Amino acid sequence: MKRLFWLTVGAGAGVYATHRVKRRVERLAHEWSPEGVAVRAVHAGQGAGRRLRDLAADVKAETAAREEELREAVGIDRTLPEPEEPRAPRRVLRARYTIVNDKDGH
């Protein structure tokens, strides 16, 4: 009776192990088939595109926030007071250049 029990337990364990190995091999074969690789590549590409869009949105938001901080620090958006009297036009002086032909530079 003992032998029949252990024979039955061994046969059951063998059938179970064989079934599990067969399922795992079929799953791996499907994952590494051309269709399975293509599906994984598409999912990876979609995920990368989504992450890049999120990164671009984060960069845009942080850039706008930093620009606002800098504008406040510099005071660029403040309105300037109007001049009371128009100023006289400034005189522009022209520079005179001297061309030196000596080898010494004198």
N, C-alpha and C. Protein backbone atom coordinates (compact mmCIF):
# COMPACT_ATOMS: atom_id res chain seq x y z
N MET A 1 0.81 -1.18 0.00
CA MET A 1 0.00 0.00 0.00
C MET A 1 0.87 1.26 0.00
N LYS A 2 1.97 1.23 0.77
CA LYS A 2 2.85 2.38 0.80
C LYS A 2 3.41 2.66 -0.58
N ARG A 3 3.82 1.62 -1.25
CA ARG A 3 4.42 1.80 -2.57
C ARG A 3 3.43 2.41 -3.54
N LEU A 4 2.21 1.99 -3.51
CA LEU A 4 1.19 2.55 -4.40
C LEU A 4 0.95 4.03 -4.09
N PHE A 5 0.94 4.39 -2.80
CA PHE A 5 0.77 5.79 -2.41
C PHE A 5 1.90 6.65 -2.97
N TRP A 6 3.15 6.21 -2.76
CA TRP A 6 4.29 7.01 -3.21
C TRP A 6 4.40 7.01 -4.73
N LEU A 7 3.97 5.94 -5.36
CA LEU A 7 3.94 5.93 -6.82
C LEU A 7 2.94 6.96 -7.33
N THR A 8 1.79 7.05 -6.71
CA THR A 8 0.77 8.02 -7.09
C THR A 8 1.26 9.45 -6.82
N VAL A 9 1.89 9.70 -5.68
CA VAL A 9 2.42 11.03 -5.35
C VAL A 9 3.49 11.41 -6.36
N GLY A 10 4.38 10.52 -6.69
CA GLY A 10 5.45 10.79 -7.66
C GLY A 10 4.90 11.07 -9.05
N ALA A 11 3.91 10.28 -9.46
CA ALA A 11 3.31 10.49 -10.79
C ALA A 11 2.59 11.83 -10.83
N GLY A 12 1.88 12.17 -9.77
CA GLY A 12 1.18 13.46 -9.70
C GLY A 12 2.16 14.63 -9.74
N ALA A 13 3.24 14.52 -8.98
CA ALA A 13 4.26 15.57 -8.98
C ALA A 13 4.91 15.69 -10.35
N GLY A 14 5.14 14.59 -11.01
CA GLY A 14 5.73 14.61 -12.36
C GLY A 14 4.81 15.28 -13.36
N VAL A 15 3.52 14.95 -13.30
CA VAL A 15 2.55 15.56 -14.20
C VAL A 15 2.47 17.07 -13.94
N TYR A 16 2.41 17.46 -12.67
CA TYR A 16 2.34 18.88 -12.31
C TYR A 16 3.58 19.63 -12.79
N ALA A 17 4.78 19.06 -12.53
CA ALA A 17 6.03 19.71 -12.94
C ALA A 17 6.10 19.81 -14.46
N THR A 18 5.70 18.78 -15.15
CA THR A 18 5.71 18.80 -16.61
C THR A 18 4.77 19.88 -17.14
N HIS A 19 3.60 19.98 -16.55
CA HIS A 19 2.63 20.99 -16.97
C HIS A 19 3.19 22.39 -16.76
N ARG A 20 3.81 22.66 -15.59
CA ARG A 20 4.38 23.98 -15.29
C ARG A 20 5.52 24.32 -16.26
N VAL A 21 6.39 23.36 -16.53
CA VAL A 21 7.51 23.60 -17.44
C VAL A 21 6.98 23.87 -18.84
N LYS A 22 5.98 23.12 -19.28
CA LYS A 22 5.41 23.32 -20.61
C LYS A 22 4.83 24.72 -20.73
N ARG A 23 4.09 25.18 -19.71
CA ARG A 23 3.51 26.54 -19.75
C ARG A 23 4.60 27.60 -19.82
N ARG A 24 5.65 27.43 -19.02
CA ARG A 24 6.74 28.40 -19.02
C ARG A 24 7.47 28.43 -20.36
N VAL A 25 7.71 27.29 -20.96
CA VAL A 25 8.38 27.22 -22.26
C VAL A 25 7.51 27.86 -23.33
N GLU A 26 6.21 27.62 -23.30
CA GLU A 26 5.31 28.24 -24.29
C GLU A 26 5.30 29.75 -24.13
N ARG A 27 5.28 30.22 -22.88
CA ARG A 27 5.29 31.66 -22.65
C ARG A 27 6.59 32.30 -23.15
N LEU A 28 7.72 31.67 -22.86
CA LEU A 28 9.00 32.19 -23.33
C LEU A 28 9.09 32.16 -24.85
N ALA A 29 8.57 31.09 -25.45
CA ALA A 29 8.59 31.00 -26.91
C ALA A 29 7.75 32.11 -27.52
N HIS A 30 6.61 32.41 -26.91
CA HIS A 30 5.76 33.49 -27.43
C HIS A 30 6.42 34.86 -27.23
N GLU A 31 7.06 35.07 -26.05
CA GLU A 31 7.71 36.35 -25.78
C GLU A 31 8.86 36.63 -26.74
N TRP A 32 9.59 35.60 -27.13
CA TRP A 32 10.75 35.79 -28.00
C TRP A 32 10.44 35.53 -29.47
N SER A 33 9.17 35.30 -29.79
CA SER A 33 8.79 35.19 -31.20
C SER A 33 8.81 36.59 -31.81
N PRO A 34 8.84 36.72 -33.14
CA PRO A 34 8.85 38.05 -33.75
C PRO A 34 7.67 38.91 -33.31
N GLU A 35 6.50 38.31 -33.16
CA GLU A 35 5.33 39.07 -32.74
C GLU A 35 5.49 39.56 -31.30
N GLY A 36 6.00 38.69 -30.44
CA GLY A 36 6.18 39.06 -29.04
C GLY A 36 7.23 40.15 -28.87
N VAL A 37 8.32 40.06 -29.62
CA VAL A 37 9.35 41.09 -29.56
C VAL A 37 8.80 42.41 -30.08
N ALA A 38 8.01 42.36 -31.15
CA ALA A 38 7.42 43.59 -31.70
C ALA A 38 6.48 44.23 -30.70
N VAL A 39 5.68 43.44 -30.01
CA VAL A 39 4.75 43.98 -29.01
C VAL A 39 5.52 44.65 -27.88
N ARG A 40 6.59 43.99 -27.40
CA ARG A 40 7.40 44.59 -26.34
C ARG A 40 8.05 45.88 -26.80
N ALA A 41 8.52 45.91 -28.05
CA ALA A 41 9.16 47.12 -28.57
C ALA A 41 8.16 48.27 -28.67
N VAL A 42 6.95 47.98 -29.10
CA VAL A 42 5.92 49.02 -29.20
C VAL A 42 5.58 49.57 -27.82
N HIS A 43 5.42 48.68 -26.84
CA HIS A 43 5.11 49.13 -25.48
C HIS A 43 6.25 49.97 -24.91
N ALA A 44 7.48 49.54 -25.17
CA ALA A 44 8.64 50.31 -24.67
C ALA A 44 8.70 51.67 -25.34
N GLY A 45 8.42 51.72 -26.63
CA GLY A 45 8.43 53.00 -27.35
C GLY A 45 7.35 53.93 -26.87
N GLN A 46 6.16 53.39 -26.62
CA GLN A 46 5.07 54.23 -26.11
C GLN A 46 5.41 54.76 -24.72
N GLY A 47 6.01 53.93 -23.91
CA GLY A 47 6.39 54.37 -22.57
C GLY A 47 7.46 55.44 -22.62
N ALA A 48 8.42 55.29 -23.53
CA ALA A 48 9.48 56.28 -23.66
C ALA A 48 8.92 57.60 -24.17
N GLY A 49 8.00 57.53 -25.12
CA GLY A 49 7.38 58.76 -25.64
C GLY A 49 6.60 59.49 -24.56
N ARG A 50 5.90 58.74 -23.76
CA ARG A 50 5.13 59.33 -22.66
C ARG A 50 6.06 60.00 -21.65
N ARG A 51 7.16 59.32 -21.32
CA ARG A 51 8.12 59.89 -20.38
C ARG A 51 8.78 61.14 -20.94
N LEU A 52 9.07 61.15 -22.25
CA LEU A 52 9.66 62.34 -22.86
C LEU A 52 8.68 63.51 -22.85
N ARG A 53 7.40 63.24 -23.11
CA ARG A 53 6.40 64.32 -23.05
C ARG A 53 6.29 64.87 -21.64
N ASP A 54 6.31 63.98 -20.65
CA ASP A 54 6.26 64.43 -19.26
C ASP A 54 7.49 65.27 -18.91
N LEU A 55 8.65 64.83 -19.38
CA LEU A 55 9.88 65.59 -19.12
C LEU A 55 9.81 66.97 -19.76
N ALA A 56 9.33 67.04 -21.01
CA ALA A 56 9.23 68.33 -21.69
C ALA A 56 8.26 69.25 -20.96
N ALA A 57 7.15 68.71 -20.48
CA ALA A 57 6.18 69.53 -19.75
C ALA A 57 6.78 70.03 -18.43
N ASP A 58 7.53 69.16 -17.74
CA ASP A 58 8.17 69.58 -16.49
C ASP A 58 9.22 70.66 -16.74
N VAL A 59 10.01 70.50 -17.79
CA VAL A 59 11.03 71.49 -18.11
C VAL A 59 10.37 72.83 -18.45
N LYS A 60 9.30 72.79 -19.21
CA LYS A 60 8.60 74.02 -19.59
C LYS A 60 8.05 74.73 -18.35
N ALA A 61 7.45 73.98 -17.45
CA ALA A 61 6.88 74.57 -16.24
C ALA A 61 7.97 75.15 -15.34
N GLU A 62 9.05 74.41 -15.16
CA GLU A 62 10.14 74.91 -14.31
C GLU A 62 10.83 76.11 -14.94
N THR A 63 10.95 76.12 -16.26
CA THR A 63 11.54 77.27 -16.94
C THR A 63 10.70 78.51 -16.74
N ALA A 64 9.40 78.36 -16.86
CA ALA A 64 8.51 79.51 -16.66
C ALA A 64 8.59 80.01 -15.21
N ALA A 65 8.65 79.09 -14.27
CA ALA A 65 8.74 79.49 -12.86
C ALA A 65 10.06 80.21 -12.59
N ARG A 66 11.15 79.68 -13.13
CA ARG A 66 12.45 80.32 -12.91
C ARG A 66 12.51 81.69 -13.59
N GLU A 67 11.92 81.80 -14.77
CA GLU A 67 11.89 83.09 -15.46
C GLU A 67 11.12 84.12 -14.64
N GLU A 68 10.03 83.69 -14.04
CA GLU A 68 9.24 84.59 -13.19
C GLU A 68 10.06 85.03 -11.98
N GLU A 69 10.80 84.10 -11.37
CA GLU A 69 11.66 84.45 -10.24
C GLU A 69 12.71 85.49 -10.65
N LEU A 70 13.32 85.26 -11.80
CA LEU A 70 14.34 86.19 -12.26
C LEU A 70 13.75 87.56 -12.59
N ARG A 71 12.57 87.58 -13.19
CA ARG A 71 11.92 88.85 -13.50
C ARG A 71 11.62 89.63 -12.21
N GLU A 72 11.18 88.93 -11.19
CA GLU A 72 10.92 89.60 -9.92
C GLU A 72 12.21 90.11 -9.30
N ALA A 73 13.28 89.31 -9.36
CA ALA A 73 14.55 89.71 -8.76
C ALA A 73 15.16 90.92 -9.46
N VAL A 74 15.05 90.97 -10.78
CA VAL A 74 15.65 92.05 -11.55
C VAL A 74 14.71 93.25 -11.63
N GLY A 75 13.45 93.02 -11.53
CA GLY A 75 12.46 94.09 -11.62
C GLY A 75 12.21 94.52 -13.05
N ILE A 76 12.22 93.57 -13.94
CA ILE A 76 12.06 93.86 -15.36
C ILE A 76 10.64 94.31 -15.71
N ASP A 77 9.67 93.86 -14.97
CA ASP A 77 8.28 94.15 -15.32
C ASP A 77 7.77 95.45 -14.72
N ARG A 78 8.60 96.11 -13.94
CA ARG A 78 8.16 97.38 -13.37
C ARG A 78 8.09 98.44 -14.46
N THR A 79 7.11 99.31 -14.35
CA THR A 79 6.99 100.38 -15.34
C THR A 79 7.93 101.51 -14.96
N LEU A 80 8.59 102.09 -15.93
CA LEU A 80 9.52 103.18 -15.70
C LEU A 80 8.76 104.50 -15.65
N PRO A 81 9.20 105.42 -14.83
CA PRO A 81 8.53 106.72 -14.79
C PRO A 81 8.81 107.49 -16.09
N GLU A 82 7.83 108.25 -16.49
CA GLU A 82 7.99 109.05 -17.71
C GLU A 82 8.94 110.21 -17.43
N PRO A 83 9.81 110.52 -18.38
CA PRO A 83 10.70 111.68 -18.18
C PRO A 83 9.90 112.97 -18.18
N GLU A 84 10.33 113.88 -17.32
CA GLU A 84 9.58 115.14 -17.19
C GLU A 84 9.81 116.06 -18.38
N GLU A 85 11.05 116.19 -18.79
CA GLU A 85 11.37 117.06 -19.92
C GLU A 85 12.11 116.24 -20.96
N PRO A 86 11.87 116.52 -22.20
CA PRO A 86 12.64 115.80 -23.21
C PRO A 86 14.10 116.22 -23.14
N ARG A 87 14.95 115.29 -23.25
CA ARG A 87 16.38 115.55 -23.17
C ARG A 87 16.91 115.98 -24.53
N ALA A 88 17.98 116.72 -24.49
CA ALA A 88 18.65 117.13 -25.74
C ALA A 88 19.35 115.90 -26.32
N PRO A 89 19.40 115.82 -27.63
CA PRO A 89 20.06 114.66 -28.23
C PRO A 89 21.54 114.65 -27.86
N ARG A 90 22.05 113.48 -27.66
CA ARG A 90 23.45 113.32 -27.29
C ARG A 90 24.33 113.46 -28.52
N ARG A 91 25.50 113.98 -28.31
CA ARG A 91 26.46 114.12 -29.38
C ARG A 91 27.31 112.86 -29.42
N VAL A 92 27.43 112.29 -30.58
CA VAL A 92 28.19 111.06 -30.74
C VAL A 92 29.58 111.44 -31.22
N LEU A 93 30.58 110.98 -30.49
CA LEU A 93 31.96 111.25 -30.88
C LEU A 93 32.49 110.09 -31.70
N ARG A 94 33.21 110.43 -32.74
CA ARG A 94 33.81 109.39 -33.56
C ARG A 94 35.25 109.19 -33.14
N ALA A 95 35.63 107.97 -33.07
CA ALA A 95 36.99 107.66 -32.67
C ALA A 95 37.92 107.77 -33.87
N ARG A 96 39.12 108.19 -33.61
CA ARG A 96 40.12 108.28 -34.66
C ARG A 96 41.11 107.13 -34.46
N TYR A 97 41.38 106.47 -35.51
CA TYR A 97 42.30 105.34 -35.46
C TYR A 97 43.61 105.72 -36.13
N THR A 98 44.70 105.28 -35.58
CA THR A 98 46.01 105.51 -36.16
C THR A 98 46.53 104.17 -36.65
N ILE A 99 46.92 104.15 -37.89
CA ILE A 99 47.45 102.91 -38.46
C ILE A 99 48.98 102.99 -38.34
N VAL A 100 49.54 101.99 -37.75
CA VAL A 100 50.98 101.95 -37.54
C VAL A 100 51.57 100.96 -38.52
N ASN A 101 52.60 101.43 -39.27
CA ASN A 101 53.22 100.56 -40.26
C ASN A 101 54.56 100.03 -39.80
N ASP A 102 55.03 100.46 -38.65
CA ASP A 102 56.33 100.00 -38.16
C ASP A 102 56.24 98.56 -37.70
N LYS A 103 57.39 97.92 -37.73
CA LYS A 103 57.43 96.54 -37.24
C LYS A 103 57.36 96.51 -35.71
N ASP A 104 57.85 97.55 -35.08
CA ASP A 104 57.87 97.62 -33.63
C ASP A 104 56.49 97.96 -33.05
N GLY A 105 55.60 98.50 -33.86
CA GLY A 105 54.30 98.89 -33.38
C GLY A 105 54.28 100.28 -32.81
N HIS A 106 55.35 101.12 -33.08
CA HIS A 106 55.42 102.49 -32.57
C HIS A 106 55.09 103.46 -33.66
